[in-house]
PDB file of N, CA and C in Angstrom:
ATOM      1  N   MET A   1      -3.000  16.878-112.610  1.00  0.00           N
ATOM      2  CA  MET A   1      -2.311  15.589-111.898  1.00  0.00           C
ATOM      3  C   MET A   1      -1.800  14.454-112.560  1.00  0.00           C
ATOM      4  N   GLY A   2      -1.091  13.903-112.641  1.00  0.00           N
ATOM      5  CA  GLY A   2      -0.427  12.696-113.107  1.00  0.00           C
ATOM      6  C   GLY A   2      -0.641  11.063-112.378  1.00  0.00           C
ATOM      7  N   MET A   3      -0.578  10.485-112.965  1.00  0.00           N
ATOM      8  CA  MET A   3      -0.903   8.725-112.257  1.00  0.00           C
ATOM      9  C   MET A   3      -0.153   8.671-110.979  1.00  0.00           C
ATOM     10  N   SER A   4       1.317   9.151-111.040  1.00  0.00           N
ATOM     11  CA  SER A   4       1.975   8.645-109.858  1.00  0.00           C
ATOM     12  C   SER A   4       1.406  10.034-108.664  1.00  0.00           C
ATOM     13  N   GLU A   5       1.072  10.953-108.982  1.00  0.00           N
ATOM     14  CA  GLU A   5       0.752  12.081-108.068  1.00  0.00           C
ATOM     15  C   GLU A   5      -0.675  11.150-107.509  1.00  0.00           C
ATOM     16  N   ALA A   6      -1.750  10.877-108.330  1.00  0.00           N
ATOM     17  CA  ALA A   6      -2.898  10.584-108.212  1.00  0.00           C
ATOM     18  C   ALA A   6      -2.665   9.138-106.947  1.00  0.00           C
ATOM     19  N   ILE A   7      -1.997   8.617-107.399  1.00  0.00           N
ATOM     20  CA  ILE A   7      -1.734   7.218-106.477  1.00  0.00           C
ATOM     21  C   ILE A   7      -1.546   7.758-105.261  1.00  0.00           C
ATOM     22  N   ARG A   8      -0.081   8.503-105.250  1.00  0.00           N
ATOM     23  CA  ARG A   8       0.217   8.921-104.120  1.00  0.00           C
ATOM     24  C   ARG A   8      -0.720   9.528-103.154  1.00  0.00           C
ATOM     25  N   SER A   9      -1.446  10.924-103.786  1.00  0.00           N
ATOM     26  CA  SER A   9      -2.836  11.370-103.097  1.00  0.00           C
ATOM     27  C   SER A   9      -3.783  10.421-102.097  1.00  0.00           C
ATOM     28  N   VAL A  10      -4.211   9.405-102.958  1.00  0.00           N
ATOM     29  CA  VAL A  10      -4.987   8.856-102.873  1.00  0.00           C
ATOM     30  C   VAL A  10      -4.435   7.705-101.655  1.00  0.00           C
ATOM     31  N   LEU A  11      -3.299   7.050-101.899  1.00  0.00           N
ATOM     32  CA  LEU A  11      -2.337   6.414-100.559  1.00  0.00           C
ATOM     33  C   LEU A  11      -2.232   7.276 -99.359  1.00  0.00           C
ATOM     34  N   GLN A  12      -2.076   8.481 -99.689  1.00  0.00           N
ATOM     35  CA  GLN A  12      -1.843   9.523 -98.431  1.00  0.00           C
ATOM     36  C   GLN A  12      -2.889   9.742 -97.479  1.00  0.00           C
ATOM     37  N   GLN A  13      -4.124   9.926 -98.347  1.00  0.00           N
ATOM     38  CA  GLN A  13      -5.461  10.121 -97.693  1.00  0.00           C
ATOM     39  C   GLN A  13      -6.212   8.607 -97.498  1.00  0.00           C
ATOM     40  N   TYR A  14      -5.620   7.477 -96.922  1.00  0.00           N
ATOM     41  CA  TYR A  14      -5.939   6.092 -97.276  1.00  0.00           C
ATOM     42  C   TYR A  14      -7.428   5.909 -96.653  1.00  0.00           C
ATOM     43  N   VAL A  15      -7.915   6.170 -95.734  1.00  0.00           N
ATOM     44  CA  VAL A  15      -9.230   6.376 -95.170  1.00  0.00           C
ATOM     45  C   VAL A  15      -9.669   7.806 -94.892  1.00  0.00           C
ATOM     46  N   GLY A  16      -9.278   8.479 -95.761  1.00  0.00           N
ATOM     47  CA  GLY A  16      -9.941   9.953 -95.417  1.00  0.00           C
ATOM     48  C   GLY A  16     -11.361  10.093 -96.393  1.00  0.00           C
ATOM     49  N   PHE A  17     -12.142  10.517 -95.708  1.00  0.00           N
ATOM     50  CA  PHE A  17     -13.395  10.342 -96.194  1.00  0.00           C
ATOM     51  C   PHE A  17     -13.875  11.955 -96.475  1.00  0.00           C
ATOM     52  N   THR A  18     -13.153  12.932 -95.989  1.00  0.00           N
ATOM     53  CA  THR A  18     -13.628  14.169 -95.886  1.00  0.00           C
ATOM     54  C   THR A  18     -12.653  15.020 -96.973  1.00  0.00           C
ATOM     55  N   GLY A  19     -13.370  15.996 -97.426  1.00  0.00           N
ATOM     56  CA  GLY A  19     -12.404  16.844 -98.517  1.00  0.00           C
ATOM     57  C   GLY A  19     -13.119  16.389 -99.884  1.00  0.00           C
ATOM     58  N   ARG A  20     -12.055  16.876-100.932  1.00  0.00           N
ATOM     59  CA  ARG A  20     -12.769  16.498-102.259  1.00  0.00           C
ATOM     60  C   ARG A  20     -11.544  15.856-102.984  1.00  0.00           C
ATOM     61  N   ALA A  21     -12.004  15.252-104.132  1.00  0.00           N
ATOM     62  CA  ALA A  21     -11.157  14.620-105.306  1.00  0.00           C
ATOM     63  C   ALA A  21     -11.414  15.105-106.486  1.00  0.00           C
ATOM     64  N   ARG A  22     -10.508  15.606-107.221  1.00  0.00           N
ATOM     65  CA  ARG A  22     -10.679  16.239-108.622  1.00  0.00           C
ATOM     66  C   ARG A  22     -10.819  14.888-109.723  1.00  0.00           C
ATOM     67  N   ARG A  23     -11.481  15.259-110.791  1.00  0.00           N
ATOM     68  CA  ARG A  23     -11.471  13.977-111.890  1.00  0.00           C
ATOM     69  C   ARG A  23     -10.220  13.402-112.010  1.00  0.00           C
ATOM     70  N   SER A  24      -9.176  14.044-112.254  1.00  0.00           N
ATOM     71  CA  SER A  24      -8.095  13.550-112.636  1.00  0.00           C
ATOM     72  C   SER A  24      -7.514  12.455-111.299  1.00  0.00           C
ATOM     73  N   GLU A  25      -7.619  12.785-110.318  1.00  0.00           N
ATOM     74  CA  GLU A  25      -7.131  11.841-109.159  1.00  0.00           C
ATOM     75  C   GLU A  25      -7.902  10.691-109.331  1.00  0.00           C
ATOM     76  N   TYR A  26      -9.412  10.634-109.115  1.00  0.00           N
ATOM     77  CA  TYR A  26     -10.152   9.678-109.463  1.00  0.00           C
ATOM     78  C   TYR A  26      -9.813   8.610-110.461  1.00  0.00           C
ATOM     79  N   TRP A  27      -9.685   9.541-111.819  1.00  0.00           N
ATOM     80  CA  TRP A  27      -9.680   8.346-113.154  1.00  0.00           C
ATOM     81  C   TRP A  27      -8.388   7.737-113.000  1.00  0.00           C
ATOM     82  N   TRP A  28      -7.274   8.595-112.468  1.00  0.00           N
ATOM     83  CA  TRP A  28      -6.027   7.991-112.812  1.00  0.00           C
ATOM     84  C   TRP A  28      -6.067   6.975-111.522  1.00  0.00           C
ATOM     85  N   TRP A  29      -6.736   6.700-110.404  1.00  0.00           N
ATOM     86  CA  TRP A  29      -6.890   5.768-109.424  1.00  0.00           C
ATOM     87  C   TRP A  29      -7.293   4.669-109.909  1.00  0.00           C
ATOM     88  N   THR A  30      -8.427   4.768-110.797  1.00  0.00           N
ATOM     89  CA  THR A  30      -9.069   3.767-111.348  1.00  0.00           C
ATOM     90  C   THR A  30      -8.627   3.207-112.225  1.00  0.00           C
ATOM     91  N   LEU A  31      -7.876   4.080-113.260  1.00  0.00           N
ATOM     92  CA  LEU A  31      -6.823   3.036-114.254  1.00  0.00           C
ATOM     93  C   LEU A  31      -5.713   2.478-113.662  1.00  0.00           C
ATOM     94  N   ALA A  32      -5.382   2.890-112.561  1.00  0.00           N
ATOM     95  CA  ALA A  32      -4.003   2.077-111.693  1.00  0.00           C
ATOM     96  C   ALA A  32      -4.607   0.958-111.126  1.00  0.00           C
ATOM     97  N   VAL A  33      -5.580   0.903-110.583  1.00  0.00           N
ATOM     98  CA  VAL A  33      -6.572  -0.348-110.056  1.00  0.00           C
ATOM     99  C   VAL A  33      -6.454  -1.285-110.914  1.00  0.00           C
ATOM    100  N   VAL A  34      -7.128  -1.037-112.037  1.00  0.00           N
ATOM    101  CA  VAL A  34      -7.454  -2.105-113.398  1.00  0.00           C
ATOM    102  C   VAL A  34      -6.235  -2.569-113.830  1.00  0.00           C
ATOM    103  N   LEU A  35      -4.944  -1.372-113.953  1.00  0.00           N
ATOM    104  CA  LEU A  35      -3.906  -2.425-114.799  1.00  0.00           C
ATOM    105  C   LEU A  35      -3.140  -3.137-113.387  1.00  0.00           C
ATOM    106  N   ALA A  36      -3.439  -2.743-112.252  1.00  0.00           N
ATOM    107  CA  ALA A  36      -2.884  -3.779-111.133  1.00  0.00           C
ATOM    108  C   ALA A  36      -3.774  -5.062-111.292  1.00  0.00           C
ATOM    109  N   THR A  37      -4.839  -4.982-111.230  1.00  0.00           N
ATOM    110  CA  THR A  37      -5.756  -6.157-111.491  1.00  0.00           C
ATOM    111  C   THR A  37      -5.270  -6.869-112.721  1.00  0.00           C
ATOM    112  N   ILE A  38      -5.095  -6.312-113.617  1.00  0.00           N
ATOM    113  CA  ILE A  38      -4.742  -7.148-114.734  1.00  0.00           C
ATOM    114  C   ILE A  38      -3.462  -7.998-114.492  1.00  0.00           C
ATOM    115  N   ILE A  39      -2.461  -7.143-113.992  1.00  0.00           N
ATOM    116  CA  ILE A  39      -1.099  -7.610-113.506  1.00  0.00           C
ATOM    117  C   ILE A  39      -1.263  -8.855-112.650  1.00  0.00           C
ATOM    118  N   VAL A  40      -2.013  -8.709-111.803  1.00  0.00           N
ATOM    119  CA  VAL A  40      -2.014  -9.569-110.624  1.00  0.00           C
ATOM    120  C   VAL A  40      -2.821 -10.924-111.041  1.00  0.00           C
ATOM    121  N   SER A  41      -3.976 -10.771-111.966  1.00  0.00           N
ATOM    122  CA  SER A  41      -4.113 -12.072-112.564  1.00  0.00           C
ATOM    123  C   SER A  41      -3.507 -12.591-113.699  1.00  0.00           C
ATOM    124  N   VAL A  42      -2.729 -11.862-114.120  1.00  0.00           N
ATOM    125  CA  VAL A  42      -1.835 -12.665-114.813  1.00  0.00           C
ATOM    126  C   VAL A  42      -0.708 -13.251-114.234  1.00  0.00           C
ATOM    127  N   VAL A  43      -0.115 -12.859-113.309  1.00  0.00           N
ATOM    128  CA  VAL A  43       0.769 -13.397-112.642  1.00  0.00           C
ATOM    129  C   VAL A  43       0.121 -14.739-111.765  1.00  0.00           C
ATOM    130  N   GLU A  44      -1.023 -14.633-111.562  1.00  0.00           N
ATOM    131  CA  GLU A  44      -1.800 -15.851-110.617  1.00  0.00           C
ATOM    132  C   GLU A  44      -1.854 -16.822-111.551  1.00  0.00           C
ATOM    133  N   VAL A  45      -2.354 -16.541-112.525  1.00  0.00           N
ATOM    134  CA  VAL A  45      -2.632 -17.696-113.727  1.00  0.00           C
ATOM    135  C   VAL A  45      -1.135 -18.448-114.049  1.00  0.00           C
ATOM    136  N   THR A  46      -0.058 -17.458-114.613  1.00  0.00           N
ATOM    137  CA  THR A  46       1.138 -18.008-114.888  1.00  0.00           C
ATOM    138  C   THR A  46       1.941 -18.777-113.990  1.00  0.00           C
ATOM    139  N   LEU A  47       1.844 -18.114-112.791  1.00  0.00           N
ATOM    140  CA  LEU A  47       2.573 -18.932-111.658  1.00  0.00           C
ATOM    141  C   LEU A  47       1.626 -19.676-110.557  1.00  0.00           C
ATOM    142  N   GLY A  48       0.612 -19.611-110.738  1.00  0.00           N
ATOM    143  CA  GLY A  48      -0.366 -20.272-109.566  1.00  0.00           C
ATOM    144  C   GLY A  48       0.013 -19.775-108.564  1.00  0.00           C
ATOM    145  N   LEU A  49      -0.198 -18.535-108.210  1.00  0.00           N
ATOM    146  CA  LEU A  49       0.019 -18.026-107.254  1.00  0.00           C
ATOM    147  C   LEU A  49      -1.294 -17.341-106.811  1.00  0.00           C
ATOM    148  N   PHE A  50      -2.411 -18.353-106.384  1.00  0.00           N
ATOM    149  CA  PHE A  50      -3.932 -17.778-106.230  1.00  0.00           C
ATOM    150  C   PHE A  50      -3.688 -17.063-105.067  1.00  0.00           C
ATOM    151  N   GLY A  51      -4.757 -16.365-104.612  1.00  0.00           N
ATOM    152  CA  GLY A  51      -4.903 -15.347-103.800  1.00  0.00           C
ATOM    153  C   GLY A  51      -4.481 -14.088-103.661  1.00  0.00           C
ATOM    154  N   LEU A  52      -3.468 -13.941-104.725  1.00  0.00           N
ATOM    155  CA  LEU A  52      -2.846 -12.666-104.663  1.00  0.00           C
ATOM    156  C   LEU A  52      -3.898 -11.376-105.182  1.00  0.00           C
ATOM    157  N   SER A  53      -5.060 -11.765-105.744  1.00  0.00           N
ATOM    158  CA  SER A  53      -5.799 -11.071-106.414  1.00  0.00           C
ATOM    159  C   SER A  53      -7.112 -10.358-104.925  1.00  0.00           C
ATOM    160  N   THR A  54      -7.170 -11.842-104.342  1.00  0.00           N
ATOM    161  CA  THR A  54      -7.774 -11.473-103.166  1.00  0.00           C
ATOM    162  C   THR A  54      -7.066 -10.456-101.974  1.00  0.00           C
ATOM    163  N   ILE A  55      -5.732 -10.434-101.994  1.00  0.00           N
ATOM    164  CA  ILE A  55      -4.961  -9.582-100.962  1.00  0.00           C
ATOM    165  C   ILE A  55      -5.173  -8.259-101.821  1.00  0.00           C
ATOM    166  N   LEU A  56      -4.847  -8.142-102.914  1.00  0.00           N
ATOM    167  CA  LEU A  56      -5.013  -6.730-103.649  1.00  0.00           C
ATOM    168  C   LEU A  56      -6.391  -6.258-103.487  1.00  0.00           C
ATOM    169  N   SER A  57      -7.674  -6.882-103.673  1.00  0.00           N
ATOM    170  CA  SER A  57      -8.713  -6.130-103.258  1.00  0.00           C
ATOM    171  C   SER A  57      -8.742  -5.978-102.022  1.00  0.00           C
ATOM    172  N   LEU A  58      -8.479  -6.570-100.953  1.00  0.00           N
ATOM    173  CA  LEU A  58      -8.468  -5.814 -99.701  1.00  0.00           C
ATOM    174  C   LEU A  58      -7.649  -4.616 -99.337  1.00  0.00           C
ATOM    175  N   ALA A  59      -6.477  -4.640-100.298  1.00  0.00           N
ATOM    176  CA  ALA A  59      -5.429  -3.446-100.011  1.00  0.00           C
ATOM    177  C   ALA A  59      -6.020  -2.089-100.713  1.00  0.00           C
ATOM    178  N   ILE A  60      -6.803  -2.264-101.901  1.00  0.00           N
ATOM    179  CA  ILE A  60      -7.406  -1.294-102.357  1.00  0.00           C
ATOM    180  C   ILE A  60      -8.870  -1.093-101.945  1.00  0.00           C
ATOM    181  N   PHE A  61      -9.253  -1.615-101.336  1.00  0.00           N
ATOM    182  CA  PHE A  61     -10.877  -1.603-100.803  1.00  0.00           C
ATOM    183  C   PHE A  61     -10.900   0.064-100.251  1.00  0.00           C
ATOM    184  N   LEU A  62     -10.291   0.167 -99.022  1.00  0.00           N
ATOM    185  CA  LEU A  62     -10.819   1.442 -98.516  1.00  0.00           C
ATOM    186  C   LEU A  62     -10.220   2.874 -99.199  1.00  0.00           C
ATOM    187  N   PRO A  63      -9.042   2.668 -99.699  1.00  0.00           N
ATOM    188  CA  PRO A  63      -8.816   3.970-100.501  1.00  0.00           C
ATOM    189  C   PRO A  63      -9.380   4.065-101.527  1.00  0.00           C
ATOM    190  N   GLY A  64     -10.022   3.002-102.338  1.00  0.00           N
ATOM    191  CA  GLY A  64     -10.892   3.316-103.380  1.00  0.00           C
ATOM    192  C   GLY A  64     -12.553   3.980-103.067  1.00  0.00           C
ATOM    193  N   LEU A  65     -12.592   3.219-101.797  1.00  0.00           N
ATOM    194  CA  LEU A  65     -14.096   3.813-101.085  1.00  0.00           C
ATOM    195  C   LEU A  65     -13.876   5.443-101.134  1.00  0.00           C
ATOM    196  N   ALA A  66     -12.394   5.645-100.061  1.00  0.00           N
ATOM    197  CA  ALA A  66     -12.413   6.801 -99.988  1.00  0.00           C
ATOM    198  C   ALA A  66     -12.387   8.039-101.170  1.00  0.00           C
ATOM    199  N   VAL A  67     -11.647   7.680-102.256  1.00  0.00           N
ATOM    200  CA  VAL A  67     -11.553   8.448-103.000  1.00  0.00           C
ATOM    201  C   VAL A  67     -12.905   8.686-103.959  1.00  0.00           C
ATOM    202  N   SER A  68     -13.712   7.629-104.048  1.00  0.00           N
ATOM    203  CA  SER A  68     -14.992   7.963-104.509  1.00  0.00           C
ATOM    204  C   SER A  68     -16.046   8.639-103.628  1.00  0.00           C
ATOM    205  N   VAL A  69     -15.885   8.727-102.378  1.00  0.00           N
ATOM    206  CA  VAL A  69     -16.546   9.793-101.491  1.00  0.00           C
ATOM    207  C   VAL A  69     -16.224  10.741-101.837  1.00  0.00           C
ATOM    208  N   ARG A  70     -14.804  11.374-101.926  1.00  0.00           N
ATOM    209  CA  ARG A  70     -14.005  12.535-101.940  1.00  0.00           C
ATOM    210  C   ARG A  70     -14.579  13.053-103.506  1.00  0.00           C
ATOM    211  N   ARG A  71     -14.850  11.875-104.327  1.00  0.00           N
ATOM    212  CA  ARG A  71     -15.020  12.497-105.871  1.00  0.00           C
ATOM    213  C   ARG A  71     -16.652  12.889-105.525  1.00  0.00           C
ATOM    214  N   LEU A  72     -17.459  12.124-105.056  1.00  0.00           N
ATOM    215  CA  LEU A  72     -18.963  12.603-104.827  1.00  0.00           C
ATOM    216  C   LEU A  72     -18.933  14.322-104.240  1.00  0.00           C
ATOM    217  N   HIS A  73     -18.058  14.333-102.977  1.00  0.00           N
ATOM    218  CA  HIS A  73     -18.099  15.385-102.502  1.00  0.00           C
ATOM    219  C   HIS A  73     -17.635  16.341-103.348  1.00  0.00           C
ATOM    220  N   ASP A  74     -16.778  16.245-104.210  1.00  0.00           N
ATOM    221  CA  ASP A  74     -16.313  17.104-105.174  1.00  0.00           C
ATOM    222  C   ASP A  74     -17.424  17.778-106.129  1.00  0.00           C
ATOM    223  N   THR A  75     -18.311  16.691-106.408  1.00  0.00           N
ATOM    224  CA  THR A  75     -19.684  17.078-107.114  1.00  0.00           C
ATOM    225  C   THR A  75     -20.686  17.857-106.431  1.00  0.00           C
ATOM    226  N   GLY A  76     -20.527  18.070-104.933  1.00  0.00           N
ATOM    227  CA  GLY A  76     -21.451  18.613-104.179  1.00  0.00           C
ATOM    228  C   GLY A  76     -22.418  17.320-103.708  1.00  0.00           C
ATOM    229  N   ARG A  77     -21.970  16.392-103.737  1.00  0.00           N
ATOM    230  CA  ARG A  77     -23.014  15.299-103.058  1.00  0.00           C
ATOM    231  C   ARG A  77     -22.431  14.461-102.028  1.00  0.00           C
ATOM    232  N   SER A  78     -23.324  13.974-101.082  1.00  0.00           N
ATOM    233  CA  SER A  78     -23.010  13.325-100.116  1.00  0.00           C
ATOM    234  C   SER A  78     -22.005  11.940-100.432  1.00  0.00           C
ATOM    235  N   GLY A  79     -21.569  11.193 -99.757  1.00  0.00           N
ATOM    236  CA  GLY A  79     -20.770   9.847 -99.904  1.00  0.00           C
ATOM    237  C   GLY A  79     -21.635   8.605 -99.959  1.00  0.00           C
ATOM    238  N   TRP A  80     -22.822   9.070 -99.218  1.00  0.00           N
ATOM    239  CA  TRP A  80     -24.067   8.227 -98.997  1.00  0.00           C
ATOM    240  C   TRP A  80     -24.397   7.660-100.348  1.00  0.00           C
ATOM    241  N   TRP A  81     -24.348   8.603-101.565  1.00  0.00           N
ATOM    242  CA  TRP A  81     -24.855   8.211-102.485  1.00  0.00           C
ATOM    243  C   TRP A  81     -24.265   7.227-103.292  1.00  0.00           C
ATOM    244  N   LEU A  82     -22.890   6.931-103.079  1.00  0.00           N
ATOM    245  CA  LEU A  82     -22.353   5.601-103.280  1.00  0.00           C
ATOM    246  C   LEU A  82     -23.317   4.363-102.981  1.00  0.00           C
ATOM    247  N   LEU A  83     -24.248   4.238-102.261  1.00  0.00           N
ATOM    248  CA  LEU A  83     -25.030   3.112-101.734  1.00  0.00           C
ATOM    249  C   LEU A  83     -25.878   2.828-103.023  1.00  0.00           C
ATOM    250  N   VAL A  84     -26.040   3.837-103.966  1.00  0.00           N
ATOM    251  CA  VAL A  84     -26.691   3.619-105.189  1.00  0.00           C
ATOM    252  C   VAL A  84     -26.252   2.793-106.105  1.00  0.00           C
ATOM    253  N   VAL A  85     -25.092   2.062-105.994  1.00  0.00           N
ATOM    254  CA  VAL A  85     -24.400   1.088-106.502  1.00  0.00           C
ATOM    255  C   VAL A  85     -25.270   0.030-106.436  1.00  0.00           C
ATOM    256  N   LEU A  86     -26.019  -0.241-105.181  1.00  0.00           N
ATOM    257  CA  LEU A  86     -26.587  -1.545-104.704  1.00  0.00           C
ATOM    258  C   LEU A  86     -27.625  -1.825-105.797  1.00  0.00           C
ATOM    259  N   VAL A  87     -28.395  -0.756-106.628  1.00  0.00           N
ATOM    260  CA  VAL A  87     -29.415  -0.960-107.518  1.00  0.00           C
ATOM    261  C   VAL A  87     -28.786  -1.437-109.050  1.00  0.00           C
ATOM    262  N   PRO A  88     -28.727  -2.724-109.472  1.00  0.00           N
ATOM    263  CA  PRO A  88     -28.076  -3.361-110.533  1.00  0.00           C
ATOM    264  C   PRO A  88     -28.322  -2.264-111.906  1.00  0.00           C
ATOM    265  N   LEU A  89     -27.080  -2.275-112.356  1.00  0.00           N
ATOM    266  CA  LEU A  89     -26.816  -1.489-113.738  1.00  0.00           C
ATOM    267  C   LEU A  89     -27.234   0.017-113.554  1.00  0.00           C
ATOM    268  N   ILE A  90     -28.487   0.333-113.164  1.00  0.00           N
ATOM    269  CA  ILE A  90     -28.721   1.900-113.189  1.00  0.00           C
ATOM    270  C   ILE A  90     -27.863   2.531-112.070  1.00  0.00           C
ATOM    271  N   GLY A  91     -27.725   1.700-110.953  1.00  0.00           N
ATOM    272  CA  GLY A  91     -27.020   2.425-109.831  1.00  0.00           C
ATOM    273  C   GLY A  91     -25.332   2.954-110.387  1.00  0.00           C
ATOM    274  N   PHE A  92     -25.100   1.806-111.242  1.00  0.00           N
ATOM    275  CA  PHE A  92     -23.528   2.108-111.757  1.00  0.00           C
ATOM    276  C   PHE A  92     -23.439   3.115-112.572  1.00  0.00           C
ATOM    277  N   LEU A  93     -24.544   3.060-113.517  1.00  0.00           N
ATOM    278  CA  LEU A  93     -24.191   4.095-114.340  1.00  0.00           C
ATOM    279  C   LEU A  93     -24.765   5.422-113.878  1.00  0.00           C
ATOM    280  N   ILE A  94     -25.467   5.677-112.657  1.00  0.00           N
ATOM    281  CA  ILE A  94     -25.670   6.999-111.869  1.00  0.00           C
ATOM    282  C   ILE A  94     -24.452   7.526-111.491  1.00  0.00           C
ATOM    283  N   ILE A  95     -23.448   6.581-110.758  1.00  0.00           N
ATOM    284  CA  ILE A  95     -22.318   6.916-110.053  1.00  0.00           C
ATOM    285  C   ILE A  95     -21.273   7.180-111.056  1.00  0.00           C
ATOM    286  N   LEU A  96     -21.325   6.452-112.334  1.00  0.00           N
ATOM    287  CA  LEU A  96     -20.349   6.834-113.420  1.00  0.00           C
ATOM    288  C   LEU A  96     -20.635   8.303-114.156  1.00  0.00           C
ATOM    289  N   PHE A  97     -22.051   8.739-113.923  1.00  0.00           N
ATOM    290  CA  PHE A  97     -22.236  10.017-114.456  1.00  0.00           C
ATOM    291  C   PHE A  97     -21.950  11.134-113.581  1.00  0.00           C
ATOM    292  N   PHE A  98     -21.975  10.986-112.151  1.00  0.00           N
ATOM    293  CA  PHE A  98     -21.775  11.639-111.359  1.00  0.00           C
ATOM    294  C   PHE A  98     -20.142  11.769-111.198  1.00  0.00           C
ATOM    295  N   ALA A  99     -19.155  10.870-111.781  1.00  0.00           N
ATOM    296  CA  ALA A  99     -18.044  10.666-111.542  1.00  0.00           C
ATOM    297  C   ALA A  99     -17.124  11.511-112.696  1.00  0.00           C
ATOM    298  N   ILE A 100     -18.095  11.587-113.938  1.00  0.00           N
ATOM    299  CA  ILE A 100     -17.639  12.336-114.964  1.00  0.00           C
ATOM    300  C   ILE A 100     -17.879  13.698-114.739  1.00  0.00           C
ATOM    301  N   GLN A 101     -18.690  14.061-114.131  1.00  0.00           N
ATOM    302  CA  GLN A 101     -19.058  15.531-113.981  1.00  0.00           C
ATOM    303  C   GLN A 101     -17.822  16.467-113.410  1.00  0.00           C
ATOM    304  N   ASP A 102     -17.780  17.542-113.791  1.00  0.00           N
ATOM    305  CA  ASP A 102     -17.002  18.389-113.255  1.00  0.00           C
ATOM    306  C   ASP A 102     -17.139  19.073-111.917  1.00  0.00           C
ATOM    307  N   SER A 103     -15.850  19.620-111.140  1.00  0.00           N
ATOM    308  CA  SER A 103     -15.918  19.959-110.089  1.00  0.00           C
ATOM    309  C   SER A 103     -17.192  20.855-109.783  1.00  0.00           C
ATOM    310  N   GLN A 104     -17.481  21.039-108.507  1.00  0.00           N
ATOM    311  CA  GLN A 104     -18.470  22.199-107.976  1.00  0.00           C
ATOM    312  C   GLN A 104     -17.823  23.520-107.764  1.00  0.00           C
ATOM    313  N   PRO A 105     -17.835  24.369-108.643  1.00  0.00           N
ATOM    314  CA  PRO A 105     -17.037  25.711-108.517  1.00  0.00           C
ATOM    315  C   PRO A 105     -17.159  26.046-107.210  1.00  0.00           C
ATOM    316  N   GLY A 106     -16.061  26.740-106.567  1.00  0.00           N
ATOM    317  CA  GLY A 106     -15.717  27.338-105.238  1.00  0.00           C
ATOM    318  C   GLY A 106     -15.750  26.332-104.325  1.00  0.00           C
ATOM    319  N   THR A 107     -16.069  26.934-102.990  1.00  0.00           N
ATOM    320  CA  THR A 107     -15.984  26.169-101.843  1.00  0.00           C
ATOM    321  C   THR A 107     -17.489  25.573-101.538  1.00  0.00           C
ATOM    322  N   ASN A 108     -17.557  24.087-101.134  1.00  0.00           N
ATOM    323  CA  ASN A 108     -18.817  23.743-100.780  1.00  0.00           C
ATOM    324  C   ASN A 108     -18.985  23.285 -99.666  1.00  0.00           C
ATOM    325  N   ASP A 109     -20.044  22.317 -99.096  1.00  0.00           N
ATOM    326  CA  ASP A 109     -19.735  21.862 -98.051  1.00  0.00           C
ATOM    327  C   ASP A 109     -18.758  21.028 -97.377  1.00  0.00           C
ATOM    328  N   TYR A 110     -18.064  20.528 -98.407  1.00  0.00           N
ATOM    329  CA  TYR A 110     -17.154  19.569 -97.926  1.00  0.00           C
ATOM    330  C   TYR A 110     -15.610  19.954 -98.321  1.00  0.00           C
ATOM    331  N   GLY A 111     -15.699  21.586 -98.487  1.00  0.00           N
ATOM    332  CA  GLY A 111     -14.530  22.052 -98.507  1.00  0.00           C
ATOM    333  C   GLY A 111     -13.974  22.899 -99.527  1.00  0.00           C
ATOM    334  N   PRO A 112     -12.963  23.494-100.137  1.00  0.00           N
ATOM    335  CA  PRO A 112     -12.548  24.415-100.785  1.00  0.00           C
ATOM    336  C   PRO A 112     -12.296  23.568-102.243  1.00  0.00           C
ATOM    337  N   ASN A 113     -12.366  24.127-103.480  1.00  0.00           N
ATOM    338  CA  ASN A 113     -12.102  23.478-104.990  1.00  0.00           C
ATOM    339  C   ASN A 113     -10.760  22.912-104.947  1.00  0.00           C
ATOM    340  N   PRO A 114     -10.452  21.816-105.097  1.00  0.00           N
ATOM    341  CA  PRO A 114      -9.200  21.346-105.297  1.00  0.00           C
ATOM    342  C   PRO A 114      -8.388  22.036-106.620  1.00  0.00           C
ATOM    343  N   LYS A 115      -9.070  22.337-107.302  1.00  0.00           N
ATOM    344  CA  LYS A 115      -8.516  22.878-108.671  1.00  0.00           C
ATOM    345  C   LYS A 115      -7.811  24.213-108.444  1.00  0.00           C
ATOM    346  N   GLY A 116      -8.546  24.860-107.154  1.00  0.00           N
ATOM    347  CA  GLY A 116      -7.783  25.895-106.869  1.00  0.00           C
ATOM    348  C   GLY A 116      -8.553  27.149-107.366  1.00  0.00           C
ATOM    349  N   ALA A 117      -9.654  27.017-108.172  1.00  0.00           N
ATOM    350  CA  ALA A 117     -10.429  28.119-108.831  1.00  0.00           C
ATOM    351  C   ALA A 117     -11.325  28.492-108.133  1.00  0.00           C
TER     352      ALA A 117
END
């Protein structure tokens, strides 16, 4: 899955908290968000159009949350594991570890393997 496919997939499932998301979908989305944030920040500073980053944050919050939950589902974990990020530093590292892991083979409680294997 390439970047454009991943972005399209995440935006099509804007608030889809069911199912599973492959690593490529999650990480391409994350890269796109980082790049968009950098671009919006540069535009804000250059043109003095403050508030664009707030609009971007609001626009990507739900799809980012949904793809994160689906990524956890892909590793066989409940989306409630995202709450662990509320634990400073350690929570972020735990979620990072989960996001890096490969898909759980076969069908799990959250649906069939998106890899098709």
